[in-house]
C-alpha cells in the first residue's frame, strides 16, 4: 500500500503544477509514473514501484477473497470486497504500465484518451447513451461513498490503530478524513464529465483523473480549489503509509 501512497503523493505534486499553470503534464497515475521515470534513478524506482504495485494488487485480490470478516453487515462486506477487486485491478494495471515504461515499450495512452475511446465504443452501441449515463451514476455514487467514508471516518473500522504510536493515531484520522474527501471530489468530477458525455453524446467530454483536475482548475477560484484538492490527495498518500502498517487482514 506504500507504493499506492507514493503514486498519490506524486499526483498531488502534479495537481499543484496544474494549479499554477503547468497544464501540459499528465496529472494522473500514469503521469505520476512518467514523472518517476524522468528522474536520474527512474529505472530503478520504476522497477521498485512495479513490484510494489503488483504486490498491492495481489493483496487487494486476497482481501476480496477472504478478508473483511470484521464487517458485520453482509451487504457492506460485499461492497468492500468489490472495492478491493477494483483497487487490485488498478494496482496491477499501474504495475504493468510501470514495466512498459522501464522497458521502453511505449508510454501508451493517457488516461483521458483511453476513457474517451472506451466511451466512444459504448456510445456506438444501441442504448449507448443510457449505458454511459448508468456508468456516470455509478461513478458519482462511488464518489459520494468516498466523501462519506472520509466525513464519517468509517475508514478507521478497517485499521488496527493500536499498531501505530499513540501520538500518530489522531493524525491518521485527520489524514484519512481529508484524503478520502479529496478523492471523492475528484472521482465525482469524473462522473459528472461522463454524465455530460451521455447528455451530449460526445466522447470528447469524457476523461479520467487528469481531465477532472484540469476541469477543476478552469473554474472560478479553480486554482484555490485545486490546491486544496492536491493537499487532500497528498494527505491520502501519507495516510496510505500508515494504513500499510495498521490495516486489518
C-alpha atoms as a PDB file:
ATOM      1  CA  UNK A   1       0.000   0.000   0.000  1.00  0.00           C
ATOM      2  CA  UNK A   2       3.020   2.232   0.416  1.00  0.00           C
ATOM      3  CA  UNK A   3       3.547   2.319  -3.358  1.00  0.00           C
ATOM      4  CA  UNK A   4      -0.081   3.393  -3.785  1.00  0.00           C
ATOM      5  CA  UNK A   5       0.689   6.217  -1.367  1.00  0.00           C
ATOM      6  CA  UNK A   6       3.736   7.256  -3.401  1.00  0.00           C
ATOM      7  CA  UNK A   7       1.576   7.460  -6.536  1.00  0.00           C
ATOM      8  CA  UNK A   8      -0.918   9.734  -4.774  1.00  0.00           C
ATOM      9  CA  UNK A   9       1.847  11.995  -3.466  1.00  0.00           C
ATOM     10  CA  UNK A  10       3.213  12.449  -6.999  1.00  0.00           C
ATOM     11  CA  UNK A  11      -0.294  13.048  -8.395  1.00  0.00           C
ATOM     12  CA  UNK A  12      -0.749  15.712  -5.705  1.00  0.00           C
ATOM     13  CA  UNK A  13       2.506  17.328  -6.856  1.00  0.00           C
ATOM     14  CA  UNK A  14       1.345  17.251 -10.489  1.00  0.00           C
ATOM     15  CA  UNK A  15      -2.011  18.715  -9.461  1.00  0.00           C
ATOM     16  CA  UNK A  16      -0.194  21.621  -7.815  1.00  0.00           C
ATOM     17  CA  UNK A  17       1.757  22.177 -11.024  1.00  0.00           C
ATOM     18  CA  UNK A  18      -1.519  22.243 -12.978  1.00  0.00           C
ATOM     19  CA  UNK A  19      -2.940  24.715 -10.445  1.00  0.00           C
ATOM     20  CA  UNK A  20      -0.068  27.091 -11.109  1.00  0.00           C
ATOM     21  CA  UNK A  21      -0.211  26.910 -14.885  1.00  0.00           C
ATOM     22  CA  UNK A  22       1.766  23.811 -15.929  1.00  0.00           C
ATOM     23  CA  UNK A  23      -1.173  22.240 -17.764  1.00  0.00           C
ATOM     24  CA  UNK A  24       0.852  20.300 -20.329  1.00  0.00           C
ATOM     25  CA  UNK A  25       1.620  17.467 -17.919  1.00  0.00           C
ATOM     26  CA  UNK A  26      -0.498  14.375 -17.419  1.00  0.00           C
ATOM     27  CA  UNK A  27      -1.815  14.786 -13.880  1.00  0.00           C
ATOM     28  CA  UNK A  28      -2.925  11.240 -13.123  1.00  0.00           C
ATOM     29  CA  UNK A  29      -1.456   7.904 -12.015  1.00  0.00           C
ATOM     30  CA  UNK A  30       0.215   7.306 -15.378  1.00  0.00           C
ATOM     31  CA  UNK A  31       1.614  10.829 -15.304  1.00  0.00           C
ATOM     32  CA  UNK A  32       2.989  10.106 -11.834  1.00  0.00           C
ATOM     33  CA  UNK A  33       4.840   7.048 -13.131  1.00  0.00           C
ATOM     34  CA  UNK A  34       6.175   9.059 -16.077  1.00  0.00           C
ATOM     35  CA  UNK A  35       7.422  11.667 -13.597  1.00  0.00           C
ATOM     36  CA  UNK A  36       9.268   8.953 -11.678  1.00  0.00           C
ATOM     37  CA  UNK A  37      10.760   7.585 -14.901  1.00  0.00           C
ATOM     38  CA  UNK A  38      12.182  11.001 -15.813  1.00  0.00           C
ATOM     39  CA  UNK A  39      14.423  11.145 -12.717  1.00  0.00           C
ATOM     40  CA  UNK A  40      18.085  10.110 -12.513  1.00  0.00           C
ATOM     41  CA  UNK A  41      17.266   6.773 -10.884  1.00  0.00           C
ATOM     42  CA  UNK A  42      13.992   6.417 -12.775  1.00  0.00           C
ATOM     43  CA  UNK A  43      14.527   2.837 -13.979  1.00  0.00           C
ATOM     44  CA  UNK A  44      15.325   1.523 -10.504  1.00  0.00           C
ATOM     45  CA  UNK A  45      12.437   3.414  -8.949  1.00  0.00           C
ATOM     46  CA  UNK A  46      10.003   2.224 -11.623  1.00  0.00           C
ATOM     47  CA  UNK A  47      11.011  -1.408 -11.066  1.00  0.00           C
ATOM     48  CA  UNK A  48      10.523  -0.935  -7.317  1.00  0.00           C
ATOM     49  CA  UNK A  49       7.140   0.690  -7.852  1.00  0.00           C
ATOM     50  CA  UNK A  50       6.103  -2.009 -10.333  1.00  0.00           C
ATOM     51  CA  UNK A  51       6.900  -4.764  -7.841  1.00  0.00           C
ATOM     52  CA  UNK A  52       5.117  -2.867  -5.087  1.00  0.00           C
ATOM     53  CA  UNK A  53       2.049  -2.221  -7.241  1.00  0.00           C
ATOM     54  CA  UNK A  54       1.837  -5.881  -8.287  1.00  0.00           C
ATOM     55  CA  UNK A  55       2.078  -6.866  -4.615  1.00  0.00           C
ATOM     56  CA  UNK A  56      -0.603  -4.286  -3.726  1.00  0.00           C
ATOM     57  CA  UNK A  57      -2.905  -5.605  -6.449  1.00  0.00           C
ATOM     58  CA  UNK A  58      -2.486  -9.220  -5.341  1.00  0.00           C
ATOM     59  CA  UNK A  59      -3.045  -8.207  -1.716  1.00  0.00           C
ATOM     60  CA  UNK A  60      -6.309  -6.497  -2.680  1.00  0.00           C
ATOM     61  CA  UNK A  61      -7.473  -9.623  -4.541  1.00  0.00           C
ATOM     62  CA  UNK A  62      -6.647 -11.680  -1.459  1.00  0.00           C
ATOM     63  CA  UNK A  63      -8.587  -9.213   0.719  1.00  0.00           C
ATOM     64  CA  UNK A  64     -11.559  -9.518  -1.627  1.00  0.00           C
ATOM     65  CA  UNK A  65     -11.464 -13.306  -1.386  1.00  0.00           C
ATOM     66  CA  UNK A  66     -11.008 -13.944   2.323  1.00  0.00           C
ATOM     67  CA  UNK A  67     -10.998 -10.726   4.320  1.00  0.00           C
ATOM     68  CA  UNK A  68     -13.323  -8.042   5.745  1.00  0.00           C
ATOM     69  CA  UNK A  69     -14.632 -10.621   8.229  1.00  0.00           C
ATOM     70  CA  UNK A  70     -14.803  -7.831  10.829  1.00  0.00           C
ATOM     71  CA  UNK A  71     -17.614  -6.129   8.869  1.00  0.00           C
ATOM     72  CA  UNK A  72     -20.900  -7.308  10.371  1.00  0.00           C
ATOM     73  CA  UNK A  73     -23.330  -6.322   7.613  1.00  0.00           C
ATOM     74  CA  UNK A  74     -23.167  -8.701   4.655  1.00  0.00           C
ATOM     75  CA  UNK A  75     -24.084  -6.047   2.075  1.00  0.00           C
ATOM     76  CA  UNK A  76     -21.373  -3.686   3.311  1.00  0.00           C
ATOM     77  CA  UNK A  77     -18.853  -6.556   3.351  1.00  0.00           C
ATOM     78  CA  UNK A  78     -19.732  -7.355  -0.272  1.00  0.00           C
ATOM     79  CA  UNK A  79     -19.255  -3.708  -1.285  1.00  0.00           C
ATOM     80  CA  UNK A  80     -15.869  -3.624   0.407  1.00  0.00           C
ATOM     81  CA  UNK A  81     -14.816  -6.778  -1.431  1.00  0.00           C
ATOM     82  CA  UNK A  82     -15.934  -5.333  -4.763  1.00  0.00           C
ATOM     83  CA  UNK A  83     -13.925  -2.207  -3.970  1.00  0.00           C
ATOM     84  CA  UNK A  84     -10.888  -4.367  -3.190  1.00  0.00           C
ATOM     85  CA  UNK A  85     -11.203  -6.077  -6.587  1.00  0.00           C
ATOM     86  CA  UNK A  86     -11.346  -2.665  -8.295  1.00  0.00           C
ATOM     87  CA  UNK A  87      -8.261  -1.474  -6.403  1.00  0.00           C
ATOM     88  CA  UNK A  88      -6.493  -4.718  -7.275  1.00  0.00           C
ATOM     89  CA  UNK A  89      -7.155  -4.186 -10.970  1.00  0.00           C
ATOM     90  CA  UNK A  90      -5.880  -0.605 -10.720  1.00  0.00           C
ATOM     91  CA  UNK A  91      -2.737  -1.732  -8.893  1.00  0.00           C
ATOM     92  CA  UNK A  92      -1.928  -4.462 -11.421  1.00  0.00           C
ATOM     93  CA  UNK A  93      -2.619  -2.198 -14.406  1.00  0.00           C
ATOM     94  CA  UNK A  94      -0.351   0.524 -12.990  1.00  0.00           C
ATOM     95  CA  UNK A  95       2.331  -2.089 -12.357  1.00  0.00           C
ATOM     96  CA  UNK A  96       2.098  -3.214 -15.985  1.00  0.00           C
ATOM     97  CA  UNK A  97       2.331   0.419 -17.112  1.00  0.00           C
ATOM     98  CA  UNK A  98       5.445   0.938 -14.972  1.00  0.00           C
ATOM     99  CA  UNK A  99       7.074  -2.137 -16.574  1.00  0.00           C
ATOM    100  CA  UNK A 100       6.200  -0.826 -20.030  1.00  0.00           C
ATOM    101  CA  UNK A 101       7.837   2.494 -19.205  1.00  0.00           C
ATOM    102  CA  UNK A 102      11.029   0.987 -17.818  1.00  0.00           C
ATOM    103  CA  UNK A 103      11.393  -1.493 -20.703  1.00  0.00           C
ATOM    104  CA  UNK A 104      10.801   1.202 -23.308  1.00  0.00           C
ATOM    105  CA  UNK A 105       7.762  -0.459 -24.851  1.00  0.00           C
ATOM    106  CA  UNK A 106       5.957   2.864 -25.134  1.00  0.00           C
ATOM    107  CA  UNK A 107       4.193   5.281 -22.833  1.00  0.00           C
ATOM    108  CA  UNK A 108       0.809   4.133 -24.098  1.00  0.00           C
ATOM    109  CA  UNK A 109      -2.385   6.120 -23.960  1.00  0.00           C
ATOM    110  CA  UNK A 110      -3.126   8.798 -21.449  1.00  0.00           C
ATOM    111  CA  UNK A 111      -5.982   8.192 -19.060  1.00  0.00           C
ATOM    112  CA  UNK A 112      -8.085  10.713 -20.972  1.00  0.00           C
ATOM    113  CA  UNK A 113      -7.506   9.040 -24.354  1.00  0.00           C
ATOM    114  CA  UNK A 114      -8.362   5.615 -23.018  1.00  0.00           C
ATOM    115  CA  UNK A 115     -11.524   6.872 -21.363  1.00  0.00           C
ATOM    116  CA  UNK A 116     -12.615   8.733 -24.490  1.00  0.00           C
ATOM    117  CA  UNK A 117     -12.043   5.713 -26.753  1.00  0.00           C
ATOM    118  CA  UNK A 118     -13.938   3.447 -24.363  1.00  0.00           C
ATOM    119  CA  UNK A 119     -16.789   5.950 -24.140  1.00  0.00           C
ATOM    120  CA  UNK A 120     -16.961   6.296 -27.939  1.00  0.00           C
ATOM    121  CA  UNK A 121     -17.315   2.494 -28.290  1.00  0.00           C
ATOM    122  CA  UNK A 122     -20.105   2.400 -25.711  1.00  0.00           C
ATOM    123  CA  UNK A 123     -21.926   5.352 -27.285  1.00  0.00           C
ATOM    124  CA  UNK A 124     -21.903   3.488 -30.613  1.00  0.00           C
ATOM    125  CA  UNK A 125     -23.903   0.634 -29.068  1.00  0.00           C
ATOM    126  CA  UNK A 126     -27.707   0.519 -29.001  1.00  0.00           C
ATOM    127  CA  UNK A 127     -28.797   2.487 -25.936  1.00  0.00           C
ATOM    128  CA  UNK A 128     -25.181   3.628 -25.619  1.00  0.00           C
ATOM    129  CA  UNK A 129     -26.103   6.967 -24.060  1.00  0.00           C
ATOM    130  CA  UNK A 130     -28.137   5.175 -21.414  1.00  0.00           C
ATOM    131  CA  UNK A 131     -25.225   2.849 -20.623  1.00  0.00           C
ATOM    132  CA  UNK A 132     -22.811   5.778 -20.267  1.00  0.00           C
ATOM    133  CA  UNK A 133     -25.326   7.570 -18.058  1.00  0.00           C
ATOM    134  CA  UNK A 134     -25.575   4.464 -15.841  1.00  0.00           C
ATOM    135  CA  UNK A 135     -21.772   4.312 -15.545  1.00  0.00           C
ATOM    136  CA  UNK A 136     -21.741   8.033 -14.706  1.00  0.00           C
ATOM    137  CA  UNK A 137     -24.293   7.456 -11.959  1.00  0.00           C
ATOM    138  CA  UNK A 138     -22.216   4.579 -10.551  1.00  0.00           C
ATOM    139  CA  UNK A 139     -19.046   6.694 -10.565  1.00  0.00           C
ATOM    140  CA  UNK A 140     -20.840   9.561  -8.825  1.00  0.00           C
ATOM    141  CA  UNK A 141     -22.186   7.052  -6.288  1.00  0.00           C
ATOM    142  CA  UNK A 142     -18.630   5.863  -5.619  1.00  0.00           C
ATOM    143  CA  UNK A 143     -17.557   9.487  -5.208  1.00  0.00           C
ATOM    144  CA  UNK A 144     -20.290  10.154  -2.653  1.00  0.00           C
ATOM    145  CA  UNK A 145     -19.301   6.976  -0.802  1.00  0.00           C
ATOM    146  CA  UNK A 146     -15.668   8.128  -0.661  1.00  0.00           C
ATOM    147  CA  UNK A 147     -16.672  11.543   0.677  1.00  0.00           C
ATOM    148  CA  UNK A 148     -18.918   9.949   3.298  1.00  0.00           C
ATOM    149  CA  UNK A 149     -16.188   7.474   4.245  1.00  0.00           C
ATOM    150  CA  UNK A 150     -13.907  10.405   4.962  1.00  0.00           C
ATOM    151  CA  UNK A 151     -16.518  12.607   6.631  1.00  0.00           C
ATOM    152  CA  UNK A 152     -17.736   9.833   8.926  1.00  0.00           C
ATOM    153  CA  UNK A 153     -14.196   8.488   9.409  1.00  0.00           C
ATOM    154  CA  UNK A 154     -15.555   4.997   8.758  1.00  0.00           C
ATOM    155  CA  UNK A 155     -12.174   4.023   7.263  1.00  0.00           C
ATOM    156  CA  UNK A 156     -10.985   3.651  10.859  1.00  0.00           C
ATOM    157  CA  UNK A 157     -13.011   0.412  11.063  1.00  0.00           C
ATOM    158  CA  UNK A 158     -10.501  -1.209   8.690  1.00  0.00           C
ATOM    159  CA  UNK A 159      -7.485  -0.246  10.811  1.00  0.00           C
ATOM    160  CA  UNK A 160      -5.859  -1.532  13.966  1.00  0.00           C
ATOM    161  CA  UNK A 161      -4.809   1.880  15.221  1.00  0.00           C
ATOM    162  CA  UNK A 162      -3.197   0.216  18.233  1.00  0.00           C
ATOM    163  CA  UNK A 163      -0.450  -0.876  15.826  1.00  0.00           C
ATOM    164  CA  UNK A 164       0.570   2.786  15.499  1.00  0.00           C
ATOM    165  CA  UNK A 165       2.288   5.019  18.044  1.00  0.00           C
ATOM    166  CA  UNK A 166      -0.273   6.769  20.258  1.00  0.00           C
ATOM    167  CA  UNK A 167       0.763  10.219  19.093  1.00  0.00           C
ATOM    168  CA  UNK A 168       0.122   9.434  15.431  1.00  0.00           C
ATOM    169  CA  UNK A 169      -3.346   7.896  15.716  1.00  0.00           C
ATOM    170  CA  UNK A 170      -5.176  11.217  15.651  1.00  0.00           C
ATOM    171  CA  UNK A 171      -3.099  12.335  12.678  1.00  0.00           C
ATOM    172  CA  UNK A 172      -4.053   9.182  10.779  1.00  0.00           C
ATOM    173  CA  UNK A 173      -7.726  10.005  11.344  1.00  0.00           C
ATOM    174  CA  UNK A 174      -7.191  13.537  10.057  1.00  0.00           C
ATOM    175  CA  UNK A 175      -5.218  12.400   7.018  1.00  0.00           C
ATOM    176  CA  UNK A 176      -7.888   9.865   6.109  1.00  0.00           C
ATOM    177  CA  UNK A 177     -10.617  12.463   6.628  1.00  0.00           C
ATOM    178  CA  UNK A 178      -9.107  14.960   4.181  1.00  0.00           C
ATOM    179  CA  UNK A 179      -7.729  12.310   1.839  1.00  0.00           C
ATOM    180  CA  UNK A 180     -10.954  10.409   1.229  1.00  0.00           C
ATOM    181  CA  UNK A 181     -12.944  13.621   0.766  1.00  0.00           C
ATOM    182  CA  UNK A 182     -10.418  14.893  -1.805  1.00  0.00           C
ATOM    183  CA  UNK A 183     -10.534  11.577  -3.659  1.00  0.00           C
ATOM    184  CA  UNK A 184     -14.323  11.705  -3.646  1.00  0.00           C
ATOM    185  CA  UNK A 185     -14.341  15.206  -5.125  1.00  0.00           C
ATOM    186  CA  UNK A 186     -12.054  14.181  -7.995  1.00  0.00           C
ATOM    187  CA  UNK A 187     -13.974  10.961  -8.703  1.00  0.00           C
ATOM    188  CA  UNK A 188     -17.202  12.976  -8.627  1.00  0.00           C
ATOM    189  CA  UNK A 189     -15.879  15.308 -11.333  1.00  0.00           C
ATOM    190  CA  UNK A 190     -15.009  12.265 -13.472  1.00  0.00           C
ATOM    191  CA  UNK A 191     -18.589  11.065 -13.023  1.00  0.00           C
ATOM    192  CA  UNK A 192     -20.011  14.461 -13.945  1.00  0.00           C
ATOM    193  CA  UNK A 193     -17.884  14.539 -17.110  1.00  0.00           C
ATOM    194  CA  UNK A 194     -19.283  11.128 -18.047  1.00  0.00           C
ATOM    195  CA  UNK A 195     -22.787  12.445 -17.408  1.00  0.00           C
ATOM    196  CA  UNK A 196     -22.145  15.392 -19.739  1.00  0.00           C
ATOM    197  CA  UNK A 197     -20.817  12.913 -22.307  1.00  0.00           C
ATOM    198  CA  UNK A 198     -24.041  10.892 -22.118  1.00  0.00           C
ATOM    199  CA  UNK A 199     -26.187  14.025 -22.401  1.00  0.00           C
ATOM    200  CA  UNK A 200     -24.292  15.486 -25.368  1.00  0.00           C
ATOM    201  CA  UNK A 201     -23.336  12.125 -26.928  1.00  0.00           C
ATOM    202  CA  UNK A 202     -19.781  13.468 -27.286  1.00  0.00           C
ATOM    203  CA  UNK A 203     -16.957  11.168 -26.099  1.00  0.00           C
ATOM    204  CA  UNK A 204     -14.609  14.145 -26.188  1.00  0.00           C
ATOM    205  CA  UNK A 205     -16.216  15.375 -22.981  1.00  0.00           C
ATOM    206  CA  UNK A 206     -15.113  12.273 -21.086  1.00  0.00           C
ATOM    207  CA  UNK A 207     -11.845  11.979 -19.223  1.00  0.00           C
ATOM    208  CA  UNK A 208     -10.053  10.487 -16.281  1.00  0.00           C
ATOM    209  CA  UNK A 209      -8.254  11.953 -13.305  1.00  0.00           C
ATOM    210  CA  UNK A 210      -6.134  14.291 -15.450  1.00  0.00           C
ATOM    211  CA  UNK A 211      -9.200  15.778 -17.164  1.00  0.00           C
ATOM    212  CA  UNK A 212     -11.004  16.096 -13.823  1.00  0.00           C
ATOM    213  CA  UNK A 213      -8.166  18.073 -12.222  1.00  0.00           C
ATOM    214  CA  UNK A 214      -7.786  20.357 -15.229  1.00  0.00           C
ATOM    215  CA  UNK A 215     -11.554  20.902 -15.379  1.00  0.00           C
ATOM    216  CA  UNK A 216     -11.466  21.934 -11.732  1.00  0.00           C
ATOM    217  CA  UNK A 217      -8.562  24.309 -12.403  1.00  0.00           C
ATOM    218  CA  UNK A 218     -10.554  26.009 -15.178  1.00  0.00           C
ATOM    219  CA  UNK A 219     -13.406  27.002 -12.852  1.00  0.00           C
ATOM    220  CA  UNK A 220     -13.722  30.322 -10.993  1.00  0.00           C
ATOM    221  CA  UNK A 221     -11.443  30.079  -7.953  1.00  0.00           C
ATOM    222  CA  UNK A 222     -10.171  26.878  -9.587  1.00  0.00           C
ATOM    223  CA  UNK A 223      -6.575  27.449  -8.527  1.00  0.00           C
ATOM    224  CA  UNK A 224      -7.531  27.630  -4.867  1.00  0.00           C
ATOM    225  CA  UNK A 225      -9.863  24.637  -5.183  1.00  0.00           C
ATOM    226  CA  UNK A 226      -7.211  22.551  -6.962  1.00  0.00           C
ATOM    227  CA  UNK A 227      -4.581  23.430  -4.352  1.00  0.00           C
ATOM    228  CA  UNK A 228      -6.974  22.246  -1.627  1.00  0.00           C
ATOM    229  CA  UNK A 229      -7.659  19.010  -3.545  1.00  0.00           C
ATOM    230  CA  UNK A 230      -3.925  18.493  -4.116  1.00  0.00           C
ATOM    231  CA  UNK A 231      -3.306  18.836  -0.374  1.00  0.00           C
ATOM    232  CA  UNK A 232      -6.080  16.306   0.213  1.00  0.00           C
ATOM    233  CA  UNK A 233      -4.543  13.845  -2.268  1.00  0.00           C
ATOM    234  CA  UNK A 234      -1.179  14.287  -0.563  1.00  0.00           C
ATOM    235  CA  UNK A 235      -2.888  13.615   2.770  1.00  0.00           C
ATOM    236  CA  UNK A 236      -4.299  10.392   1.344  1.00  0.00           C
ATOM    237  CA  UNK A 237      -0.840   9.422   0.121  1.00  0.00           C
ATOM    238  CA  UNK A 238       0.614   9.824   3.613  1.00  0.00           C
ATOM    239  CA  UNK A 239      -2.411   8.012   5.072  1.00  0.00           C
ATOM    240  CA  UNK A 240      -1.593   5.018   2.834  1.00  0.00           C
ATOM    241  CA  UNK A 241       1.767   4.608   4.579  1.00  0.00           C
ATOM    242  CA  UNK A 242       0.057   4.377   7.965  1.00  0.00           C
ATOM    243  CA  UNK A 243      -2.671   2.082   6.576  1.00  0.00           C
ATOM    244  CA  UNK A 244       0.011  -0.223   5.143  1.00  0.00           C
ATOM    245  CA  UNK A 245       1.123  -0.893   8.704  1.00  0.00           C
ATOM    246  CA  UNK A 246      -2.225  -0.840  10.515  1.00  0.00           C
ATOM    247  CA  UNK A 247      -4.736  -2.279   8.018  1.00  0.00           C
ATOM    248  CA  UNK A 248      -6.611  -5.313   9.267  1.00  0.00           C
ATOM    249  CA  UNK A 249      -6.057  -8.545   7.332  1.00  0.00           C
END
